[in-house]
C-alpha atoms as a PDB file:
ATOM      1  CA  UNK A   1      -0.018  -0.053  -0.048  1.00  0.00           C
ATOM      2  CA  UNK A   2       1.004   3.812  -0.836  1.00  0.00           C
ATOM      3  CA  UNK A   3       2.731   5.269   2.278  1.00  0.00           C
ATOM      4  CA  UNK A   4       0.946   8.980   2.746  1.00  0.00           C
ATOM      5  CA  UNK A   5       4.318  10.627   2.964  1.00  0.00           C
ATOM      6  CA  UNK A   6       7.860   9.142   1.968  1.00  0.00           C
ATOM      7  CA  UNK A   7       9.616  11.550   5.236  1.00  0.00           C
ATOM      8  CA  UNK A   8       7.981  12.256   8.316  1.00  0.00           C
ATOM      9  CA  UNK A   9       9.490  15.409   9.961  1.00  0.00           C
ATOM     10  CA  UNK A  10       7.860  16.671  13.332  1.00  0.00           C
ATOM     11  CA  UNK A  11       7.140  20.107  14.207  1.00  0.00           C
ATOM     12  CA  UNK A  12       9.289  21.895  16.252  1.00  0.00           C
ATOM     13  CA  UNK A  13       6.783  21.105  19.236  1.00  0.00           C
ATOM     14  CA  UNK A  14       6.344  17.682  18.161  1.00  0.00           C
ATOM     15  CA  UNK A  15      10.182  17.404  18.017  1.00  0.00           C
ATOM     16  CA  UNK A  16      10.493  18.623  21.620  1.00  0.00           C
ATOM     17  CA  UNK A  17       7.563  16.331  22.981  1.00  0.00           C
ATOM     18  CA  UNK A  18       9.274  13.295  21.407  1.00  0.00           C
ATOM     19  CA  UNK A  19      12.212  14.047  23.386  1.00  0.00           C
ATOM     20  CA  UNK A  20      10.171  14.431  26.422  1.00  0.00           C
ATOM     21  CA  UNK A  21       8.518  11.181  25.618  1.00  0.00           C
ATOM     22  CA  UNK A  22      11.444   9.341  24.956  1.00  0.00           C
ATOM     23  CA  UNK A  23      12.933  10.263  28.528  1.00  0.00           C
ATOM     24  CA  UNK A  24       9.492   9.656  30.598  1.00  0.00           C
ATOM     25  CA  UNK A  25       9.096   6.634  29.240  1.00  0.00           C
ATOM     26  CA  UNK A  26      12.434   5.122  28.187  1.00  0.00           C
ATOM     27  CA  UNK A  27      11.330   3.995  25.407  1.00  0.00           C
ATOM     28  CA  UNK A  28      14.406   4.360  22.982  1.00  0.00           C
ATOM     29  CA  UNK A  29      13.086   4.654  19.041  1.00  0.00           C
ATOM     30  CA  UNK A  30      11.343   7.603  17.472  1.00  0.00           C
ATOM     31  CA  UNK A  31       9.205   5.341  14.970  1.00  0.00           C
ATOM     32  CA  UNK A  32       7.698   3.414  18.343  1.00  0.00           C
ATOM     33  CA  UNK A  33       6.634   6.664  19.685  1.00  0.00           C
ATOM     34  CA  UNK A  34       5.608   8.444  16.208  1.00  0.00           C
ATOM     35  CA  UNK A  35       3.746   5.357  15.743  1.00  0.00           C
ATOM     36  CA  UNK A  36       1.497   4.887  18.998  1.00  0.00           C
ATOM     37  CA  UNK A  37       1.230   9.050  18.457  1.00  0.00           C
ATOM     38  CA  UNK A  38      -0.569   8.238  14.741  1.00  0.00           C
ATOM     39  CA  UNK A  39      -2.412   5.647  15.950  1.00  0.00           C
ATOM     40  CA  UNK A  40      -3.710   7.445  18.752  1.00  0.00           C
ATOM     41  CA  UNK A  41      -5.056  10.218  17.004  1.00  0.00           C
ATOM     42  CA  UNK A  42      -6.911   7.572  14.383  1.00  0.00           C
ATOM     43  CA  UNK A  43      -8.502   6.493  17.289  1.00  0.00           C
ATOM     44  CA  UNK A  44     -10.176   9.664  18.068  1.00  0.00           C
ATOM     45  CA  UNK A  45     -13.686  10.495  15.740  1.00  0.00           C
ATOM     46  CA  UNK A  46     -12.242  14.179  15.142  1.00  0.00           C
ATOM     47  CA  UNK A  47     -10.739  15.372  12.708  1.00  0.00           C
ATOM     48  CA  UNK A  48      -6.859  16.877  13.795  1.00  0.00           C
ATOM     49  CA  UNK A  49      -7.044  20.600  13.458  1.00  0.00           C
ATOM     50  CA  UNK A  50      -5.142  22.497  11.267  1.00  0.00           C
ATOM     51  CA  UNK A  51      -1.819  23.610  12.330  1.00  0.00           C
ATOM     52  CA  UNK A  52      -2.105  27.172  14.247  1.00  0.00           C
ATOM     53  CA  UNK A  53      -5.739  26.156  15.049  1.00  0.00           C
ATOM     54  CA  UNK A  54      -5.242  24.447  18.296  1.00  0.00           C
ATOM     55  CA  UNK A  55      -4.053  26.291  21.327  1.00  0.00           C
ATOM     56  CA  UNK A  56      -1.091  23.970  21.933  1.00  0.00           C
ATOM     57  CA  UNK A  57       0.102  24.052  18.484  1.00  0.00           C
ATOM     58  CA  UNK A  58      -0.040  27.760  17.665  1.00  0.00           C
ATOM     59  CA  UNK A  59       3.711  28.460  18.567  1.00  0.00           C
ATOM     60  CA  UNK A  60       5.847  27.992  15.453  1.00  0.00           C
ATOM     61  CA  UNK A  61       3.869  24.660  13.580  1.00  0.00           C
ATOM     62  CA  UNK A  62       1.993  27.041  11.000  1.00  0.00           C
ATOM     63  CA  UNK A  63       5.776  27.840   9.593  1.00  0.00           C
ATOM     64  CA  UNK A  64       6.522  24.071  10.240  1.00  0.00           C
ATOM     65  CA  UNK A  65       3.993  22.891   7.753  1.00  0.00           C
ATOM     66  CA  UNK A  66       4.983  24.908   4.857  1.00  0.00           C
ATOM     67  CA  UNK A  67       8.547  23.324   5.293  1.00  0.00           C
ATOM     68  CA  UNK A  68      10.563  26.445   6.217  1.00  0.00           C
ATOM     69  CA  UNK A  69      10.707  25.953   9.943  1.00  0.00           C
ATOM     70  CA  UNK A  70      12.433  22.629   9.527  1.00  0.00           C
ATOM     71  CA  UNK A  71      15.161  23.669   7.288  1.00  0.00           C
ATOM     72  CA  UNK A  72      16.087  26.639  10.036  1.00  0.00           C
ATOM     73  CA  UNK A  73      16.500  24.140  12.775  1.00  0.00           C
ATOM     74  CA  UNK A  74      19.684  22.683  13.715  1.00  0.00           C
ATOM     75  CA  UNK A  75      19.551  18.697  12.425  1.00  0.00           C
ATOM     76  CA  UNK A  76      19.522  17.350  16.015  1.00  0.00           C
ATOM     77  CA  UNK A  77      16.412  19.320  16.923  1.00  0.00           C
ATOM     78  CA  UNK A  78      14.080  17.811  14.689  1.00  0.00           C
ATOM     79  CA  UNK A  79      12.637  14.321  14.263  1.00  0.00           C
ATOM     80  CA  UNK A  80      12.563  13.150  11.151  1.00  0.00           C
ATOM     81  CA  UNK A  81      12.205   9.444  10.067  1.00  0.00           C
ATOM     82  CA  UNK A  82      11.532   7.820   6.553  1.00  0.00           C
ATOM     83  CA  UNK A  83       8.385   5.796   6.184  1.00  0.00           C
ATOM     84  CA  UNK A  84       9.851   2.473   5.970  1.00  0.00           C
ATOM     85  CA  UNK A  85      11.723   3.164   9.574  1.00  0.00           C
ATOM     86  CA  UNK A  86       8.239   5.042  10.969  1.00  0.00           C
ATOM     87  CA  UNK A  87       6.007   1.932   9.834  1.00  0.00           C
ATOM     88  CA  UNK A  88       8.487  -1.321   9.793  1.00  0.00           C
ATOM     89  CA  UNK A  89       6.743  -4.343   9.343  1.00  0.00           C
ATOM     90  CA  UNK A  90       3.279  -2.566   9.713  1.00  0.00           C
ATOM     91  CA  UNK A  91       3.721  -0.377   6.863  1.00  0.00           C
ATOM     92  CA  UNK A  92       0.340  -1.958   4.794  1.00  0.00           C
ATOM     93  CA  UNK A  93      -1.639  -1.732   7.761  1.00  0.00           C
ATOM     94  CA  UNK A  94      -0.701   1.990   9.261  1.00  0.00           C
ATOM     95  CA  UNK A  95      -1.197   2.974   5.725  1.00  0.00           C
ATOM     96  CA  UNK A  96      -4.372   1.459   5.000  1.00  0.00           C
ATOM     97  CA  UNK A  97      -5.545   2.603   8.302  1.00  0.00           C
ATOM     98  CA  UNK A  98      -4.796   6.414   7.549  1.00  0.00           C
ATOM     99  CA  UNK A  99      -6.269   6.133   3.559  1.00  0.00           C
ATOM    100  CA  UNK A 100      -9.647   4.720   4.978  1.00  0.00           C
ATOM    101  CA  UNK A 101      -9.559   7.889   7.810  1.00  0.00           C
ATOM    102  CA  UNK A 102      -8.519  10.308   5.145  1.00  0.00           C
ATOM    103  CA  UNK A 103     -10.872   9.472   3.200  1.00  0.00           C
ATOM    104  CA  UNK A 104     -13.825   9.355   5.229  1.00  0.00           C
ATOM    105  CA  UNK A 105     -12.616  13.377   6.420  1.00  0.00           C
ATOM    106  CA  UNK A 106     -12.150  14.527   2.590  1.00  0.00           C
ATOM    107  CA  UNK A 107     -15.712  13.191   2.088  1.00  0.00           C
ATOM    108  CA  UNK A 108     -16.859  15.151   5.149  1.00  0.00           C
ATOM    109  CA  UNK A 109     -14.516  18.494   4.690  1.00  0.00           C
ATOM    110  CA  UNK A 110     -13.119  18.629   1.468  1.00  0.00           C
ATOM    111  CA  UNK A 111      -9.716  17.565  -0.203  1.00  0.00           C
ATOM    112  CA  UNK A 112      -6.887  17.445   2.321  1.00  0.00           C
ATOM    113  CA  UNK A 113      -3.318  17.118   1.059  1.00  0.00           C
ATOM    114  CA  UNK A 114      -2.549  13.585   2.762  1.00  0.00           C
ATOM    115  CA  UNK A 115       1.392  14.246   3.775  1.00  0.00           C
ATOM    116  CA  UNK A 116      -0.131  17.542   5.888  1.00  0.00           C
ATOM    117  CA  UNK A 117      -2.815  15.316   6.715  1.00  0.00           C
ATOM    118  CA  UNK A 118      -0.794  12.657   8.207  1.00  0.00           C
ATOM    119  CA  UNK A 119       1.263  15.459   9.962  1.00  0.00           C
ATOM    120  CA  UNK A 120      -1.929  16.600  11.821  1.00  0.00           C
ATOM    121  CA  UNK A 121      -2.375  13.181  12.922  1.00  0.00           C
ATOM    122  CA  UNK A 122       0.909  12.992  14.349  1.00  0.00           C
ATOM    123  CA  UNK A 123       1.226  16.160  15.962  1.00  0.00           C
ATOM    124  CA  UNK A 124      -2.509  15.385  17.647  1.00  0.00           C
ATOM    125  CA  UNK A 125      -1.377  11.833  18.923  1.00  0.00           C
ATOM    126  CA  UNK A 126       1.850  13.072  20.392  1.00  0.00           C
ATOM    127  CA  UNK A 127      -0.420  15.803  22.325  1.00  0.00           C
ATOM    128  CA  UNK A 128      -2.597  12.547  23.478  1.00  0.00           C
ATOM    129  CA  UNK A 129       0.661  10.651  24.327  1.00  0.00           C
ATOM    130  CA  UNK A 130       1.980  13.525  26.268  1.00  0.00           C
ATOM    131  CA  UNK A 131      -0.945  14.728  28.346  1.00  0.00           C
ATOM    132  CA  UNK A 132      -1.568  10.843  29.075  1.00  0.00           C
ATOM    133  CA  UNK A 133       1.666  10.647  30.602  1.00  0.00           C
ATOM    134  CA  UNK A 134       1.228  14.234  32.232  1.00  0.00           C
ATOM    135  CA  UNK A 135      -2.273  13.530  33.601  1.00  0.00           C
ATOM    136  CA  UNK A 136      -1.783   9.742  34.801  1.00  0.00           C
ATOM    137  CA  UNK A 137       2.076  10.270  36.084  1.00  0.00           C
ATOM    138  CA  UNK A 138       3.138   6.890  34.613  1.00  0.00           C
ATOM    139  CA  UNK A 139       4.373   5.438  31.094  1.00  0.00           C
ATOM    140  CA  UNK A 140       2.335   2.577  31.572  1.00  0.00           C
ATOM    141  CA  UNK A 141      -0.845   5.180  30.776  1.00  0.00           C
ATOM    142  CA  UNK A 142       0.110   4.945  27.228  1.00  0.00           C
ATOM    143  CA  UNK A 143      -0.966   1.200  26.967  1.00  0.00           C
ATOM    144  CA  UNK A 144      -4.447   1.945  27.460  1.00  0.00           C
ATOM    145  CA  UNK A 145      -3.803   3.831  24.225  1.00  0.00           C
ATOM    146  CA  UNK A 146      -2.561   1.615  22.260  1.00  0.00           C
ATOM    147  CA  UNK A 147      -3.925  -1.808  23.655  1.00  0.00           C
ATOM    148  CA  UNK A 148      -7.799  -2.039  23.125  1.00  0.00           C
ATOM    149  CA  UNK A 149     -10.087  -2.782  26.043  1.00  0.00           C
END
């Protein structure tokens, strides 16, 4: 199945959140945290907000959506992975879940660039993961997001 995006570049805020999540959870790989974030967002019924529309993302994420911010950051300040590293053995499943959701949202809201839409899901998912850990006080709470009850 076709990947919605070839290289996933987190927003500046997302990169910071990933670094925090890595420390809080002990999970060493960006791809695992990013995969959990995207799947957590896809589970939500609502559409992820456009960059700059969510109060939590209003800082510099609007610039990142055009690609300008990532180019100004130092290489060690931005988290970037290609699709195959991100998705691993679950490439087809994650792509299928995204494309199904993308199509539903296009029918409801109009045309959305797939790469932009994917980045919105990543950012909302990172917000969900960070809030879950901060509210519940333990990284074990993330299991509730990724393992169906």
